[in-house]
Each structure stands twice: as structure tokens, then as C-alpha cells.
N, C-alpha and C. Protein backbone atom coordinates (compact mmCIF):
# COMPACT_ATOMS: atom_id res chain seq x y z
N MET A 1 -7.95 46.49 171.65
CA MET A 1 -8.65 47.75 171.47
C MET A 1 -7.75 48.75 170.74
N ARG A 2 -6.49 48.81 171.13
CA ARG A 2 -5.56 49.73 170.47
C ARG A 2 -5.34 49.32 169.02
N GLN A 3 -5.28 48.03 168.75
CA GLN A 3 -5.03 47.56 167.40
C GLN A 3 -6.20 47.79 166.46
N SER A 4 -7.43 47.57 166.95
CA SER A 4 -8.60 47.69 166.08
C SER A 4 -9.20 49.09 166.08
N GLY A 5 -8.90 49.88 167.10
CA GLY A 5 -9.47 51.23 167.19
C GLY A 5 -10.75 51.29 167.99
N VAL A 6 -11.31 50.14 168.34
CA VAL A 6 -12.55 50.12 169.11
C VAL A 6 -12.50 48.97 170.11
N LEU A 7 -13.31 49.09 171.15
CA LEU A 7 -13.56 47.97 172.06
C LEU A 7 -14.84 47.31 171.58
N GLU A 8 -14.74 46.05 171.13
CA GLU A 8 -15.89 45.36 170.57
C GLU A 8 -16.94 45.07 171.64
N THR A 9 -18.16 44.90 171.21
CA THR A 9 -19.27 44.68 172.14
C THR A 9 -19.08 43.41 172.97
N ALA A 10 -18.57 42.35 172.35
CA ALA A 10 -18.38 41.10 173.08
C ALA A 10 -17.32 41.26 174.18
N GLN A 11 -16.31 42.08 173.93
CA GLN A 11 -15.28 42.31 174.93
C GLN A 11 -15.84 43.10 176.12
N MET A 12 -16.63 44.11 175.83
CA MET A 12 -17.24 44.89 176.90
C MET A 12 -18.19 44.03 177.72
N ALA A 13 -19.05 43.28 177.05
CA ALA A 13 -20.00 42.42 177.76
C ALA A 13 -19.27 41.38 178.58
N GLY A 14 -18.22 40.80 178.03
CA GLY A 14 -17.46 39.79 178.76
C GLY A 14 -16.81 40.34 180.01
N ALA A 15 -16.30 41.57 179.93
CA ALA A 15 -15.68 42.18 181.10
C ALA A 15 -16.68 42.37 182.22
N PHE A 16 -17.89 42.83 181.89
CA PHE A 16 -18.91 43.01 182.91
C PHE A 16 -19.38 41.68 183.49
N GLN A 17 -19.47 40.67 182.64
CA GLN A 17 -19.89 39.36 183.13
C GLN A 17 -18.86 38.77 184.08
N LEU A 18 -17.59 38.96 183.79
CA LEU A 18 -16.54 38.42 184.66
C LEU A 18 -16.51 39.12 186.02
N LEU A 19 -16.94 40.38 186.06
CA LEU A 19 -16.98 41.08 187.34
C LEU A 19 -17.97 40.43 188.31
N ARG A 20 -19.02 39.83 187.77
CA ARG A 20 -20.01 39.13 188.60
C ARG A 20 -20.27 37.76 187.98
N SER A 21 -19.22 36.95 187.92
CA SER A 21 -19.30 35.68 187.20
C SER A 21 -20.31 34.71 187.80
N ASN A 22 -20.48 34.72 189.13
CA ASN A 22 -21.46 33.81 189.73
C ASN A 22 -22.87 34.09 189.23
N ASP A 23 -23.21 35.38 189.14
CA ASP A 23 -24.56 35.75 188.70
C ASP A 23 -24.72 35.74 187.19
N MET A 24 -23.66 36.21 186.49
CA MET A 24 -23.80 36.46 185.07
C MET A 24 -23.35 35.29 184.18
N ILE A 25 -22.58 34.36 184.72
CA ILE A 25 -22.07 33.26 183.90
C ILE A 25 -22.50 31.91 184.46
N TRP A 26 -22.01 31.56 185.67
CA TRP A 26 -22.17 30.20 186.16
C TRP A 26 -23.61 29.85 186.51
N SER A 27 -24.32 30.75 187.15
CA SER A 27 -25.71 30.43 187.48
C SER A 27 -26.55 30.25 186.23
N ARG A 28 -26.24 31.03 185.19
CA ARG A 28 -26.98 30.89 183.94
C ARG A 28 -26.64 29.58 183.22
N LEU A 29 -25.36 29.18 183.31
CA LEU A 29 -24.99 27.91 182.70
C LEU A 29 -25.72 26.75 183.38
N VAL A 30 -25.78 26.80 184.71
CA VAL A 30 -26.46 25.73 185.44
C VAL A 30 -27.94 25.69 185.07
N ARG A 31 -28.58 26.87 185.06
CA ARG A 31 -30.02 26.91 184.78
C ARG A 31 -30.32 26.60 183.31
N ASP A 32 -29.57 27.24 182.40
CA ASP A 32 -29.88 27.10 180.98
C ASP A 32 -29.40 25.77 180.41
N TYR A 33 -28.15 25.40 180.72
CA TYR A 33 -27.56 24.23 180.07
C TYR A 33 -27.84 22.94 180.83
N LEU A 34 -27.56 22.93 182.13
CA LEU A 34 -27.73 21.69 182.89
C LEU A 34 -29.19 21.37 183.18
N MET A 35 -29.97 22.42 183.52
CA MET A 35 -31.36 22.19 183.88
C MET A 35 -32.32 22.45 182.74
N GLY A 36 -31.84 23.06 181.68
CA GLY A 36 -32.69 23.32 180.52
C GLY A 36 -33.80 24.30 180.77
N GLU A 37 -33.57 25.27 181.67
CA GLU A 37 -34.60 26.26 182.01
C GLU A 37 -34.16 27.63 181.51
N ARG A 38 -34.54 27.97 180.32
CA ARG A 38 -34.19 29.27 179.76
C ARG A 38 -35.01 30.37 180.42
N ALA A 39 -34.33 31.46 180.80
CA ALA A 39 -35.03 32.59 181.40
C ALA A 39 -35.94 33.24 180.37
N ALA A 40 -37.13 33.62 180.81
CA ALA A 40 -38.07 34.30 179.91
C ALA A 40 -37.50 35.65 179.50
N PRO A 41 -37.55 36.01 178.21
CA PRO A 41 -37.03 37.31 177.78
C PRO A 41 -37.79 38.46 178.43
N SER A 42 -37.09 39.55 178.66
CA SER A 42 -37.71 40.73 179.26
C SER A 42 -37.20 41.97 178.55
N ASP A 43 -37.89 43.08 178.78
CA ASP A 43 -37.47 44.35 178.18
C ASP A 43 -36.05 44.70 178.61
N LEU A 44 -35.75 44.49 179.90
CA LEU A 44 -34.43 44.86 180.41
C LEU A 44 -33.33 44.00 179.79
N MET A 45 -33.60 42.70 179.62
CA MET A 45 -32.60 41.82 178.99
C MET A 45 -32.35 42.24 177.54
N SER A 46 -33.39 42.61 176.83
CA SER A 46 -33.23 43.05 175.45
C SER A 46 -32.44 44.35 175.38
N TRP A 47 -32.75 45.27 176.28
CA TRP A 47 -32.02 46.54 176.32
C TRP A 47 -30.55 46.31 176.66
N ASN A 48 -30.29 45.42 177.61
CA ASN A 48 -28.92 45.15 178.04
C ASN A 48 -28.11 44.47 176.93
N ALA A 49 -28.79 43.72 176.07
CA ALA A 49 -28.09 43.02 174.98
C ALA A 49 -27.79 43.94 173.80
N ASP A 50 -28.34 45.14 173.79
CA ASP A 50 -28.13 46.08 172.69
C ASP A 50 -26.83 46.85 172.94
N ALA A 51 -25.71 46.18 172.73
CA ALA A 51 -24.40 46.75 173.07
C ALA A 51 -23.88 47.67 171.97
N THR A 52 -22.93 48.51 172.33
CA THR A 52 -22.34 49.47 171.40
C THR A 52 -20.83 49.41 171.51
N ARG A 53 -20.14 49.39 170.38
CA ARG A 53 -18.69 49.45 170.40
C ARG A 53 -18.23 50.80 170.94
N MET A 54 -17.09 50.80 171.62
CA MET A 54 -16.58 52.05 172.20
C MET A 54 -15.25 52.41 171.53
N PRO A 55 -15.08 53.67 171.11
CA PRO A 55 -13.82 54.08 170.48
C PRO A 55 -12.65 53.90 171.44
N TYR A 56 -11.51 53.51 170.90
CA TYR A 56 -10.33 53.26 171.71
C TYR A 56 -9.95 54.48 172.55
N ARG A 57 -9.85 55.65 171.91
CA ARG A 57 -9.39 56.85 172.62
C ARG A 57 -10.32 57.19 173.77
N MET A 58 -11.63 57.13 173.52
CA MET A 58 -12.59 57.47 174.56
C MET A 58 -12.50 56.50 175.73
N HIS A 59 -12.48 55.20 175.42
CA HIS A 59 -12.47 54.21 176.49
C HIS A 59 -11.15 54.23 177.26
N SER A 60 -10.05 54.44 176.55
CA SER A 60 -8.74 54.50 177.21
C SER A 60 -8.67 55.70 178.16
N ASP A 61 -9.15 56.86 177.70
CA ASP A 61 -9.17 58.04 178.57
C ASP A 61 -10.04 57.81 179.79
N TYR A 62 -11.19 57.16 179.58
CA TYR A 62 -12.09 56.89 180.70
C TYR A 62 -11.41 55.99 181.73
N LEU A 63 -10.81 54.90 181.27
CA LEU A 63 -10.20 53.95 182.20
C LEU A 63 -9.05 54.58 182.96
N HIS A 64 -8.19 55.32 182.26
CA HIS A 64 -7.00 55.84 182.91
C HIS A 64 -7.28 57.11 183.72
N LYS A 65 -8.01 58.06 183.14
CA LYS A 65 -8.17 59.35 183.79
C LYS A 65 -9.29 59.36 184.84
N LEU A 66 -10.41 58.71 184.52
CA LEU A 66 -11.54 58.76 185.45
C LEU A 66 -11.55 57.61 186.43
N PHE A 67 -10.98 56.46 186.05
CA PHE A 67 -11.05 55.27 186.91
C PHE A 67 -9.73 55.04 187.65
N LEU A 68 -8.67 54.73 186.93
CA LEU A 68 -7.41 54.37 187.58
C LEU A 68 -6.79 55.55 188.33
N ASN A 69 -6.70 56.70 187.66
CA ASN A 69 -6.01 57.85 188.27
C ASN A 69 -6.93 58.80 189.02
N ASN A 70 -8.25 58.64 188.87
CA ASN A 70 -9.23 59.45 189.60
C ASN A 70 -9.03 60.94 189.37
N ASP A 71 -8.72 61.32 188.13
CA ASP A 71 -8.37 62.71 187.84
C ASP A 71 -9.52 63.68 188.09
N LEU A 72 -10.76 63.28 187.81
CA LEU A 72 -11.89 64.20 187.99
C LEU A 72 -12.06 64.57 189.45
N ALA A 73 -12.02 63.58 190.33
CA ALA A 73 -12.21 63.85 191.76
C ALA A 73 -11.06 64.66 192.34
N GLU A 74 -9.88 64.54 191.77
CA GLU A 74 -8.70 65.20 192.34
C GLU A 74 -8.27 66.43 191.56
N GLY A 75 -9.14 66.92 190.64
CA GLY A 75 -8.90 68.20 189.99
C GLY A 75 -7.89 68.19 188.87
N ARG A 76 -7.61 67.01 188.29
CA ARG A 76 -6.62 66.94 187.21
C ARG A 76 -7.25 66.68 185.84
N TYR A 77 -8.57 66.50 185.80
CA TYR A 77 -9.22 66.22 184.51
C TYR A 77 -9.40 67.53 183.75
N LEU A 78 -8.88 67.58 182.52
CA LEU A 78 -8.86 68.82 181.76
C LEU A 78 -9.94 68.84 180.68
N ALA A 79 -10.54 69.99 180.48
CA ALA A 79 -11.45 70.26 179.38
C ALA A 79 -11.01 71.57 178.74
N ASP A 80 -10.62 71.52 177.46
CA ASP A 80 -10.05 72.68 176.78
C ASP A 80 -8.85 73.23 177.53
N GLY A 81 -8.07 72.32 178.11
CA GLY A 81 -6.84 72.72 178.79
C GLY A 81 -7.02 73.22 180.21
N GLN A 82 -8.27 73.29 180.70
CA GLN A 82 -8.53 73.78 182.04
C GLN A 82 -9.06 72.64 182.91
N PRO A 83 -8.62 72.59 184.18
CA PRO A 83 -9.10 71.52 185.06
C PRO A 83 -10.57 71.69 185.40
N VAL A 84 -11.30 70.58 185.43
CA VAL A 84 -12.70 70.58 185.82
C VAL A 84 -12.76 70.38 187.33
N ALA A 85 -13.36 71.32 188.03
CA ALA A 85 -13.45 71.25 189.49
C ALA A 85 -14.90 71.02 189.89
N LEU A 86 -15.19 69.87 190.48
CA LEU A 86 -16.55 69.58 190.92
C LEU A 86 -16.99 70.55 192.02
N SER A 87 -16.03 71.13 192.73
CA SER A 87 -16.37 72.09 193.78
C SER A 87 -16.95 73.38 193.21
N ASP A 88 -16.81 73.60 191.90
CA ASP A 88 -17.40 74.79 191.27
C ASP A 88 -18.90 74.63 191.03
N LEU A 89 -19.43 73.41 191.18
CA LEU A 89 -20.85 73.19 190.96
C LEU A 89 -21.66 73.87 192.07
N ARG A 90 -22.65 74.66 191.67
CA ARG A 90 -23.47 75.40 192.64
C ARG A 90 -24.95 75.05 192.54
N VAL A 91 -25.35 74.35 191.50
CA VAL A 91 -26.77 74.03 191.29
C VAL A 91 -27.16 72.84 192.14
N PRO A 92 -28.41 72.77 192.57
CA PRO A 92 -28.88 71.59 193.34
C PRO A 92 -28.68 70.31 192.53
N MET A 93 -28.32 69.24 193.23
CA MET A 93 -27.99 67.99 192.57
C MET A 93 -28.88 66.86 193.10
N PHE A 94 -29.32 66.01 192.19
CA PHE A 94 -30.04 64.78 192.53
C PHE A 94 -29.13 63.64 192.11
N VAL A 95 -28.55 62.93 193.07
CA VAL A 95 -27.50 61.95 192.79
C VAL A 95 -28.02 60.55 193.14
N VAL A 96 -27.92 59.63 192.18
CA VAL A 96 -28.46 58.28 192.35
C VAL A 96 -27.33 57.26 192.32
N GLY A 97 -27.37 56.32 193.25
CA GLY A 97 -26.53 55.13 193.22
C GLY A 97 -27.43 53.93 193.45
N THR A 98 -26.89 52.73 193.25
CA THR A 98 -27.67 51.52 193.52
C THR A 98 -26.90 50.63 194.47
N VAL A 99 -27.63 49.96 195.36
CA VAL A 99 -27.00 49.28 196.49
C VAL A 99 -26.19 48.06 196.07
N ARG A 100 -26.48 47.47 194.90
CA ARG A 100 -25.75 46.29 194.46
C ARG A 100 -24.93 46.56 193.21
N ASP A 101 -24.57 47.82 192.99
CA ASP A 101 -23.78 48.17 191.81
C ASP A 101 -22.32 47.77 192.05
N HIS A 102 -21.78 46.94 191.16
CA HIS A 102 -20.39 46.53 191.28
C HIS A 102 -19.45 47.40 190.45
N VAL A 103 -20.00 48.35 189.70
CA VAL A 103 -19.19 49.26 188.90
C VAL A 103 -19.00 50.59 189.64
N ALA A 104 -20.08 51.13 190.16
CA ALA A 104 -20.03 52.37 190.95
C ALA A 104 -20.73 52.10 192.28
N PRO A 105 -20.04 51.48 193.25
CA PRO A 105 -20.67 51.19 194.55
C PRO A 105 -21.22 52.46 195.18
N TRP A 106 -22.37 52.34 195.83
CA TRP A 106 -23.06 53.55 196.31
C TRP A 106 -22.23 54.34 197.30
N ARG A 107 -21.35 53.67 198.06
CA ARG A 107 -20.51 54.41 198.99
C ARG A 107 -19.51 55.30 198.25
N SER A 108 -19.09 54.86 197.08
CA SER A 108 -18.22 55.71 196.26
C SER A 108 -19.00 56.88 195.68
N VAL A 109 -20.24 56.62 195.23
CA VAL A 109 -21.08 57.69 194.71
C VAL A 109 -21.37 58.72 195.81
N HIS A 110 -21.48 58.26 197.05
CA HIS A 110 -21.75 59.14 198.18
C HIS A 110 -20.64 60.19 198.35
N LYS A 111 -19.45 59.94 197.83
CA LYS A 111 -18.34 60.89 197.97
C LYS A 111 -18.60 62.20 197.25
N ILE A 112 -19.66 62.29 196.45
CA ILE A 112 -20.01 63.57 195.83
C ILE A 112 -20.24 64.63 196.91
N HIS A 113 -20.63 64.20 198.12
CA HIS A 113 -20.81 65.13 199.22
C HIS A 113 -19.50 65.83 199.59
N LEU A 114 -18.38 65.19 199.34
CA LEU A 114 -17.07 65.77 199.66
C LEU A 114 -16.52 66.59 198.51
N LEU A 115 -17.10 66.48 197.33
CA LEU A 115 -16.51 67.09 196.13
C LEU A 115 -17.28 68.28 195.60
N ALA A 116 -18.60 68.30 195.77
CA ALA A 116 -19.42 69.37 195.20
C ALA A 116 -19.89 70.32 196.30
N ASN A 117 -19.95 71.58 195.98
CA ASN A 117 -20.39 72.61 196.92
C ASN A 117 -21.81 73.03 196.54
N ALA A 118 -22.76 72.14 196.82
CA ALA A 118 -24.14 72.36 196.37
C ALA A 118 -25.10 71.61 197.27
N ASP A 119 -26.39 71.96 197.16
CA ASP A 119 -27.42 71.17 197.82
C ASP A 119 -27.51 69.81 197.11
N ILE A 120 -27.53 68.73 197.88
CA ILE A 120 -27.49 67.40 197.30
C ILE A 120 -28.63 66.55 197.85
N ALA A 121 -29.43 66.01 196.94
CA ALA A 121 -30.41 64.97 197.29
C ALA A 121 -29.80 63.64 196.85
N PHE A 122 -29.45 62.81 197.82
CA PHE A 122 -28.74 61.57 197.51
C PHE A 122 -29.67 60.38 197.66
N VAL A 123 -29.67 59.51 196.66
CA VAL A 123 -30.61 58.39 196.61
C VAL A 123 -29.89 57.09 196.26
N PRO A 124 -29.71 56.18 197.22
CA PRO A 124 -29.34 54.81 196.86
C PRO A 124 -30.62 54.01 196.59
N ALA A 125 -30.71 53.42 195.42
CA ALA A 125 -31.89 52.64 195.04
C ALA A 125 -31.57 51.16 195.10
N SER A 126 -32.59 50.35 195.25
CA SER A 126 -32.41 48.90 195.28
C SER A 126 -31.96 48.41 193.91
N GLY A 127 -31.33 47.24 193.89
CA GLY A 127 -30.91 46.64 192.63
C GLY A 127 -29.50 47.03 192.25
N GLY A 128 -29.13 46.66 191.03
CA GLY A 128 -27.81 46.96 190.49
C GLY A 128 -27.88 48.12 189.53
N HIS A 129 -26.79 48.29 188.75
CA HIS A 129 -26.70 49.50 187.93
C HIS A 129 -27.57 49.43 186.68
N ASN A 130 -28.22 48.31 186.41
CA ASN A 130 -29.20 48.25 185.32
C ASN A 130 -30.62 48.30 185.87
N ALA A 131 -31.03 47.23 186.57
CA ALA A 131 -32.40 47.16 187.06
C ALA A 131 -32.70 48.25 188.09
N GLY A 132 -31.68 48.66 188.86
CA GLY A 132 -31.90 49.70 189.86
C GLY A 132 -32.15 51.06 189.26
N ILE A 133 -31.57 51.32 188.09
CA ILE A 133 -31.77 52.60 187.41
C ILE A 133 -33.02 52.56 186.54
N VAL A 134 -33.17 51.48 185.76
CA VAL A 134 -34.37 51.32 184.92
C VAL A 134 -35.47 50.75 185.81
N ALA A 135 -36.03 51.62 186.62
CA ALA A 135 -36.97 51.19 187.67
C ALA A 135 -38.31 51.88 187.48
N GLN A 136 -39.04 51.47 186.45
CA GLN A 136 -40.30 52.14 186.16
C GLN A 136 -41.30 51.95 187.30
N PRO A 137 -42.12 52.96 187.58
CA PRO A 137 -43.05 52.90 188.71
C PRO A 137 -44.06 51.76 188.64
N SER A 138 -44.29 51.20 187.46
CA SER A 138 -45.26 50.11 187.36
C SER A 138 -44.76 48.82 187.99
N GLU A 139 -43.46 48.72 188.28
CA GLU A 139 -42.90 47.54 188.93
C GLU A 139 -42.89 47.75 190.44
N GLU A 140 -43.37 46.77 191.19
CA GLU A 140 -43.60 46.96 192.62
C GLU A 140 -42.42 46.59 193.50
N GLU A 141 -41.39 45.93 192.96
CA GLU A 141 -40.34 45.40 193.83
C GLU A 141 -39.24 46.41 194.16
N HIS A 142 -39.35 47.64 193.68
CA HIS A 142 -38.29 48.62 193.89
C HIS A 142 -38.42 49.33 195.23
N SER A 143 -37.28 49.84 195.72
CA SER A 143 -37.26 50.68 196.93
C SER A 143 -36.04 51.59 196.84
N TYR A 144 -36.01 52.58 197.71
CA TYR A 144 -34.90 53.52 197.70
C TYR A 144 -34.85 54.24 199.05
N GLN A 145 -33.75 54.93 199.30
CA GLN A 145 -33.62 55.81 200.45
C GLN A 145 -33.25 57.20 199.96
N LEU A 146 -33.67 58.21 200.69
CA LEU A 146 -33.41 59.59 200.28
C LEU A 146 -33.11 60.44 201.50
N LEU A 147 -32.06 61.24 201.38
CA LEU A 147 -31.73 62.21 202.41
C LEU A 147 -31.09 63.41 201.72
N GLU A 148 -31.58 64.59 202.05
CA GLU A 148 -31.06 65.81 201.42
C GLU A 148 -30.09 66.51 202.35
N LYS A 149 -29.04 67.08 201.77
CA LYS A 149 -28.05 67.85 202.52
C LYS A 149 -27.91 69.22 201.89
N LYS A 150 -28.16 70.26 202.68
CA LYS A 150 -27.97 71.62 202.21
C LYS A 150 -26.48 71.98 202.27
N THR A 151 -26.11 72.97 201.48
CA THR A 151 -24.71 73.35 201.38
C THR A 151 -24.11 73.71 202.73
N ASP A 152 -24.89 74.38 203.59
CA ASP A 152 -24.36 74.84 204.87
C ASP A 152 -24.45 73.80 205.99
N GLN A 153 -24.94 72.60 205.68
CA GLN A 153 -25.03 71.56 206.70
C GLN A 153 -23.75 70.74 206.75
N PRO A 154 -23.42 70.18 207.92
CA PRO A 154 -22.18 69.39 208.05
C PRO A 154 -22.26 68.08 207.26
N TYR A 155 -21.10 67.59 206.90
CA TYR A 155 -20.98 66.34 206.16
C TYR A 155 -21.43 65.17 207.03
N VAL A 156 -22.13 64.22 206.41
CA VAL A 156 -22.56 62.99 207.08
C VAL A 156 -21.97 61.82 206.31
N GLY A 157 -21.18 60.97 206.98
CA GLY A 157 -20.57 59.82 206.33
C GLY A 157 -21.59 58.79 205.88
N PRO A 158 -21.20 57.86 205.02
CA PRO A 158 -22.16 56.92 204.44
C PRO A 158 -22.86 56.03 205.47
N ASP A 159 -22.15 55.58 206.50
CA ASP A 159 -22.79 54.71 207.49
C ASP A 159 -23.85 55.45 208.29
N GLU A 160 -23.53 56.68 208.73
CA GLU A 160 -24.50 57.49 209.45
C GLU A 160 -25.64 57.90 208.52
N TRP A 161 -25.31 58.20 207.28
CA TRP A 161 -26.34 58.55 206.30
C TRP A 161 -27.34 57.41 206.18
N LEU A 162 -26.85 56.17 206.11
CA LEU A 162 -27.71 55.01 205.95
C LEU A 162 -28.65 54.86 207.14
N ARG A 163 -28.17 55.19 208.34
CA ARG A 163 -29.02 55.08 209.53
C ARG A 163 -30.10 56.16 209.55
N ARG A 164 -29.79 57.33 209.02
CA ARG A 164 -30.74 58.44 209.08
C ARG A 164 -31.81 58.38 207.99
N ALA A 165 -31.45 57.87 206.82
CA ALA A 165 -32.37 57.90 205.68
C ALA A 165 -33.45 56.84 205.82
N VAL A 166 -34.68 57.23 205.58
CA VAL A 166 -35.81 56.31 205.69
C VAL A 166 -35.95 55.52 204.40
N ASN A 167 -36.16 54.21 204.53
CA ASN A 167 -36.37 53.36 203.36
C ASN A 167 -37.80 53.56 202.83
N ARG A 168 -37.92 53.71 201.52
CA ARG A 168 -39.22 53.96 200.91
C ARG A 168 -39.47 52.95 199.79
N ASP A 169 -40.67 52.45 199.72
CA ASP A 169 -41.05 51.51 198.67
C ASP A 169 -41.37 52.27 197.38
N GLY A 170 -41.09 51.63 196.25
CA GLY A 170 -41.42 52.21 194.96
C GLY A 170 -40.19 52.65 194.19
N SER A 171 -40.44 53.28 193.05
CA SER A 171 -39.39 53.72 192.15
C SER A 171 -38.88 55.10 192.53
N TRP A 172 -37.55 55.27 192.44
CA TRP A 172 -36.96 56.59 192.71
C TRP A 172 -37.32 57.60 191.62
N TRP A 173 -37.84 57.11 190.49
CA TRP A 173 -38.21 58.02 189.40
C TRP A 173 -39.19 59.08 189.86
N LEU A 174 -40.18 58.69 190.68
CA LEU A 174 -41.20 59.65 191.12
C LEU A 174 -40.59 60.74 191.98
N GLU A 175 -39.60 60.36 192.80
CA GLU A 175 -38.90 61.35 193.62
C GLU A 175 -38.12 62.31 192.73
N TRP A 176 -37.54 61.77 191.68
CA TRP A 176 -36.79 62.58 190.73
C TRP A 176 -37.70 63.59 190.02
N VAL A 177 -38.90 63.15 189.65
CA VAL A 177 -39.85 64.05 189.00
C VAL A 177 -40.19 65.21 189.93
N GLN A 178 -40.41 64.90 191.22
CA GLN A 178 -40.70 65.96 192.18
C GLN A 178 -39.54 66.94 192.30
N PHE A 179 -38.33 66.42 192.29
CA PHE A 179 -37.14 67.27 192.36
C PHE A 179 -37.06 68.18 191.13
N LEU A 180 -37.29 67.62 189.96
CA LEU A 180 -37.23 68.42 188.73
C LEU A 180 -38.30 69.50 188.72
N MET A 181 -39.50 69.17 189.18
CA MET A 181 -40.58 70.15 189.19
C MET A 181 -40.26 71.29 190.16
N ALA A 182 -39.62 70.96 191.29
CA ALA A 182 -39.29 71.98 192.28
C ALA A 182 -38.18 72.91 191.81
N HIS A 183 -37.37 72.47 190.84
CA HIS A 183 -36.22 73.27 190.40
C HIS A 183 -36.33 73.69 188.94
N SER A 184 -37.53 73.61 188.38
CA SER A 184 -37.72 73.97 186.97
C SER A 184 -38.69 75.13 186.86
N GLY A 185 -38.71 75.73 185.69
CA GLY A 185 -39.64 76.80 185.43
C GLY A 185 -41.01 76.28 185.05
N ALA A 186 -41.82 77.15 184.51
CA ALA A 186 -43.18 76.78 184.14
C ALA A 186 -43.17 75.85 182.93
N TRP A 187 -44.23 75.02 182.82
CA TRP A 187 -44.38 74.14 181.67
C TRP A 187 -44.61 74.98 180.42
N VAL A 188 -44.08 74.51 179.29
CA VAL A 188 -44.29 75.18 178.00
C VAL A 188 -44.78 74.13 177.01
N PRO A 189 -45.56 74.53 176.01
CA PRO A 189 -46.02 73.56 175.00
C PRO A 189 -44.85 72.97 174.22
N ALA A 190 -44.98 71.70 173.86
CA ALA A 190 -43.95 71.05 173.05
C ALA A 190 -43.95 71.64 171.65
N GLN A 191 -42.77 71.73 171.01
CA GLN A 191 -42.68 72.22 169.65
C GLN A 191 -43.33 71.23 168.70
N SER A 192 -43.99 71.76 167.69
CA SER A 192 -44.67 70.90 166.72
C SER A 192 -43.70 70.31 165.71
N GLY A 193 -42.52 70.87 165.58
CA GLY A 193 -41.53 70.37 164.63
C GLY A 193 -40.17 70.96 164.92
N PHE A 194 -39.15 70.39 164.32
CA PHE A 194 -37.79 70.88 164.55
C PHE A 194 -37.51 72.08 163.67
N HIS A 195 -36.98 73.14 164.25
CA HIS A 195 -36.62 74.34 163.51
C HIS A 195 -35.11 74.49 163.55
N ALA A 196 -34.48 74.29 162.41
CA ALA A 196 -33.02 74.35 162.35
C ALA A 196 -32.55 75.79 162.52
N PRO A 197 -31.38 75.98 163.15
CA PRO A 197 -30.82 77.34 163.25
C PRO A 197 -30.62 77.95 161.87
N GLU A 198 -30.61 79.26 161.81
CA GLU A 198 -30.48 79.96 160.53
C GLU A 198 -29.19 79.55 159.84
N GLY A 199 -29.29 79.24 158.56
CA GLY A 199 -28.12 78.86 157.79
C GLY A 199 -27.83 77.38 157.79
N ARG A 200 -28.62 76.59 158.52
CA ARG A 200 -28.39 75.15 158.56
C ARG A 200 -29.61 74.41 158.00
N LEU A 201 -29.34 73.29 157.38
CA LEU A 201 -30.43 72.48 156.85
C LEU A 201 -31.15 71.77 157.98
N PRO A 202 -32.46 71.59 157.88
CA PRO A 202 -33.20 70.88 158.94
C PRO A 202 -32.79 69.41 158.99
N LEU A 203 -32.84 68.83 160.18
CA LEU A 203 -32.53 67.42 160.36
C LEU A 203 -33.72 66.57 159.94
N ASP A 204 -33.43 65.33 159.54
CA ASP A 204 -34.51 64.40 159.22
C ASP A 204 -35.14 63.89 160.50
N ASP A 205 -36.37 63.37 160.36
CA ASP A 205 -37.02 62.73 161.49
C ASP A 205 -36.21 61.52 161.93
N ALA A 206 -36.28 61.19 163.19
CA ALA A 206 -35.59 60.01 163.73
C ALA A 206 -36.09 58.76 163.05
N PRO A 207 -35.26 57.75 162.80
CA PRO A 207 -33.86 57.65 163.24
C PRO A 207 -32.85 58.34 162.33
N GLY A 208 -33.27 58.99 161.28
CA GLY A 208 -32.35 59.74 160.43
C GLY A 208 -31.88 58.97 159.22
N GLN A 209 -31.37 59.72 158.23
CA GLN A 209 -30.94 59.11 156.97
C GLN A 209 -29.75 58.19 157.15
N TYR A 210 -28.89 58.47 158.15
CA TYR A 210 -27.72 57.61 158.35
C TYR A 210 -28.15 56.18 158.66
N VAL A 211 -29.11 56.04 159.54
CA VAL A 211 -29.58 54.70 159.90
C VAL A 211 -30.25 54.03 158.71
N LEU A 212 -31.07 54.81 157.98
CA LEU A 212 -31.80 54.23 156.86
C LEU A 212 -30.87 53.80 155.73
N GLN A 213 -29.76 54.51 155.55
CA GLN A 213 -28.84 54.21 154.45
C GLN A 213 -27.83 53.12 154.83
N HIS A 214 -27.61 52.93 156.12
CA HIS A 214 -26.58 51.98 156.53
C HIS A 214 -27.19 50.78 157.25
């Protein structure tokens, strides 16, 4: 990554596959190669295969500052030379984790209760960090748990939280919509077109000239 300037898509995909090699590598080899049973393509598989290279500097900072050294949680992550403090957050938060996520385990996501000084609606959803997040309401196999904590209420640890929260069938998306509606202003009509700020040229319609030219 340092030599080329980017982390290639195959390297990123390989790292994630190795984290769950039984599910992502060996079971597929047995089914696809030994048994000759190719999995039917799906929207989620196509989306997951649409990988993007990551710049070296960005990925290196992420791994060292946010993952290995945990700078954000411990008040050492800097933006414009100033530390970012999650305890400064005062707006209501809707925080989602997934119960089978091997990248951000839900118990780690639950630690936001210790870091932010805000009302928190915490939701562990079924599935992993792909299928659990991309959980459209038309699919029936999803479920989630939800428990809200107000700023002035005492902290509840993850095990006790799990006992208190009621399991609910369906997609967490609908719960999120209700949260957004409760904390948003009135609906406004959508703009009919993009209006560039004064002195700037208007942008092209998506996907833009860059995509069309390259």
C-alpha cells in the first residue's frame, strides 16, 4: 500500500475474507468447486463486489489512529489541530450495530453510551455488517432490538441492555424513519434542479462528466 499509494480492491476484499474464512472462503469452495453449486447472484452480492481502492494515507490513518490506537474514543484524534471529543455531542443519536459483525462487534458499538453526552437510541440488528445494514423492509428475515437512553439516565451495560431490550421482527430502517421524523422539521418540496452558489459553474447531472470521460 505504501509503495503503490493505494490499497487495491483485491487486497481489501482478501483481508475481509480471511477474517471469516470459514464463511467467506472454505464453505464457498466446497459448495462451488467440489459440489458444483454456484450461489444465485443477488443485489447484495453485486453491491459487495463493487469494491473501491483506498488511498494509502487515508487507510493508514484509519488503521493506526481509529483502530490500533483508538484515538477518537480517547480524545487524541485531531481535526484542524484540535482534538475531537465525542462527549461534546449533544444531539440525539440513532446508533446501529449488527449482532454478527466481525469488524465492529455490537458490544464495542455499545460503548458510545460511555463516550457521548446525548440521548441515544441504540439498535443491534440481525445479520452482519452488510446484510444487517442493507435490510430493506421487503425482506422478512430481519429483526432488531431497540432501547433508548436519555442523557440523565444511568448507564446500562451491554449484557443488561440485551436483557431489557425487546426483540422486534422486521427491518430497523422503519424505526430509523420514525426517529428522523421525530427529530426533523416540516417536509419541504424537492428542488427541481441544482442551483450552483453564486460565482460557481453548475454541476452536471449524475454521474458527471468525469465518469463519462474516463
